[in-house]
Amino acid sequence: MKKNRNETDIIGGQGSLTKKEELALKEYFSKKKKNISERRTNKRTEKKSQDLTA
């Protein structure tokens, strides 16, 4: 049996987002995406350097 979740909508609330809120979210998600891709690149670089030294 599934549990019912009562979660509030944090983003946006009752009305639509303002332009300032939209811009802030866009900036947040782009930074987050950039950090994730940098971590993946770093992992690949580390793995390649380990393979070369082994």
C-alpha atoms as a PDB file:
ATOM      1  CA  MET A   1       0.000   0.000   0.000  1.00  0.00           C
ATOM      2  CA  LYS A   2       1.389   3.387  -1.003  1.00  0.00           C
ATOM      3  CA  LYS A   3       1.798   6.184   1.498  1.00  0.00           C
ATOM      4  CA  ASN A   4       0.217   9.497   0.646  1.00  0.00           C
ATOM      5  CA  ARG A   5       2.688  12.344   0.584  1.00  0.00           C
ATOM      6  CA  ASN A   6       1.634  15.816   1.508  1.00  0.00           C
ATOM      7  CA  GLU A   7       4.365  18.020   0.153  1.00  0.00           C
ATOM      8  CA  THR A   8       3.975  21.716  -0.404  1.00  0.00           C
ATOM      9  CA  ASP A   9       4.999  23.351  -3.649  1.00  0.00           C
ATOM     10  CA  ILE A  10       8.061  25.355  -2.686  1.00  0.00           C
ATOM     11  CA  ILE A  11       8.784  26.762  -6.130  1.00  0.00           C
ATOM     12  CA  GLY A  12       6.178  29.210  -7.298  1.00  0.00           C
ATOM     13  CA  GLY A  13       3.663  28.975  -4.490  1.00  0.00           C
ATOM     14  CA  GLN A  14       0.130  30.059  -5.370  1.00  0.00           C
ATOM     15  CA  GLY A  15       0.762  32.144  -8.462  1.00  0.00           C
ATOM     16  CA  SER A  16       3.122  32.042 -11.394  1.00  0.00           C
ATOM     17  CA  LEU A  17       6.809  32.855 -11.047  1.00  0.00           C
ATOM     18  CA  THR A  18       8.028  36.406 -11.443  1.00  0.00           C
ATOM     19  CA  LYS A  19      10.736  37.192 -13.999  1.00  0.00           C
ATOM     20  CA  LYS A  20      13.232  37.616 -11.155  1.00  0.00           C
ATOM     21  CA  GLU A  21      12.369  34.175  -9.745  1.00  0.00           C
ATOM     22  CA  GLU A  22      12.580  32.567 -13.191  1.00  0.00           C
ATOM     23  CA  LEU A  23      16.014  34.093 -13.752  1.00  0.00           C
ATOM     24  CA  ALA A  24      17.234  32.959 -10.329  1.00  0.00           C
ATOM     25  CA  LEU A  25      16.083  29.376 -10.985  1.00  0.00           C
ATOM     26  CA  LYS A  26      17.622  29.363 -14.451  1.00  0.00           C
ATOM     27  CA  GLU A  27      20.941  30.543 -13.012  1.00  0.00           C
ATOM     28  CA  TYR A  28      20.811  27.984 -10.183  1.00  0.00           C
ATOM     29  CA  PHE A  29      20.158  25.037 -12.500  1.00  0.00           C
ATOM     30  CA  SER A  30      22.797  26.124 -15.017  1.00  0.00           C
ATOM     31  CA  LYS A  31      25.419  26.317 -12.236  1.00  0.00           C
ATOM     32  CA  LYS A  32      24.347  22.922 -10.922  1.00  0.00           C
ATOM     33  CA  LYS A  33      24.568  21.395 -14.415  1.00  0.00           C
ATOM     34  CA  LYS A  34      28.014  22.938 -14.928  1.00  0.00           C
ATOM     35  CA  ASN A  35      29.286  21.508 -11.622  1.00  0.00           C
ATOM     36  CA  ILE A  36      28.020  18.033 -12.507  1.00  0.00           C
ATOM     37  CA  SER A  37      29.717  18.075 -15.897  1.00  0.00           C
ATOM     38  CA  GLU A  38      32.973  19.299 -14.318  1.00  0.00           C
ATOM     39  CA  ARG A  39      32.901  16.431 -11.812  1.00  0.00           C
ATOM     40  CA  ARG A  40      32.369  13.910 -14.621  1.00  0.00           C
ATOM     41  CA  THR A  41      35.287  15.371 -16.560  1.00  0.00           C
ATOM     42  CA  ASN A  42      37.513  15.257 -13.477  1.00  0.00           C
ATOM     43  CA  LYS A  43      36.614  11.611 -12.838  1.00  0.00           C
ATOM     44  CA  ARG A  44      37.433  10.672 -16.437  1.00  0.00           C
ATOM     45  CA  THR A  45      40.755  12.537 -16.264  1.00  0.00           C
ATOM     46  CA  GLU A  46      41.677  10.856 -12.969  1.00  0.00           C
ATOM     47  CA  LYS A  47      40.781   7.414 -14.306  1.00  0.00           C
ATOM     48  CA  LYS A  48      42.834   7.937 -17.480  1.00  0.00           C
ATOM     49  CA  SER A  49      45.864   9.081 -15.484  1.00  0.00           C
ATOM     50  CA  GLN A  50      45.534   6.040 -13.187  1.00  0.00           C
ATOM     51  CA  ASP A  51      45.334   3.733 -16.201  1.00  0.00           C
ATOM     52  CA  LEU A  52      48.464   5.283 -17.679  1.00  0.00           C
ATOM     53  CA  THR A  53      50.461   4.920 -14.468  1.00  0.00           C
ATOM     54  CA  ALA A  54      49.355   1.324 -13.829  1.00  0.00           C
END
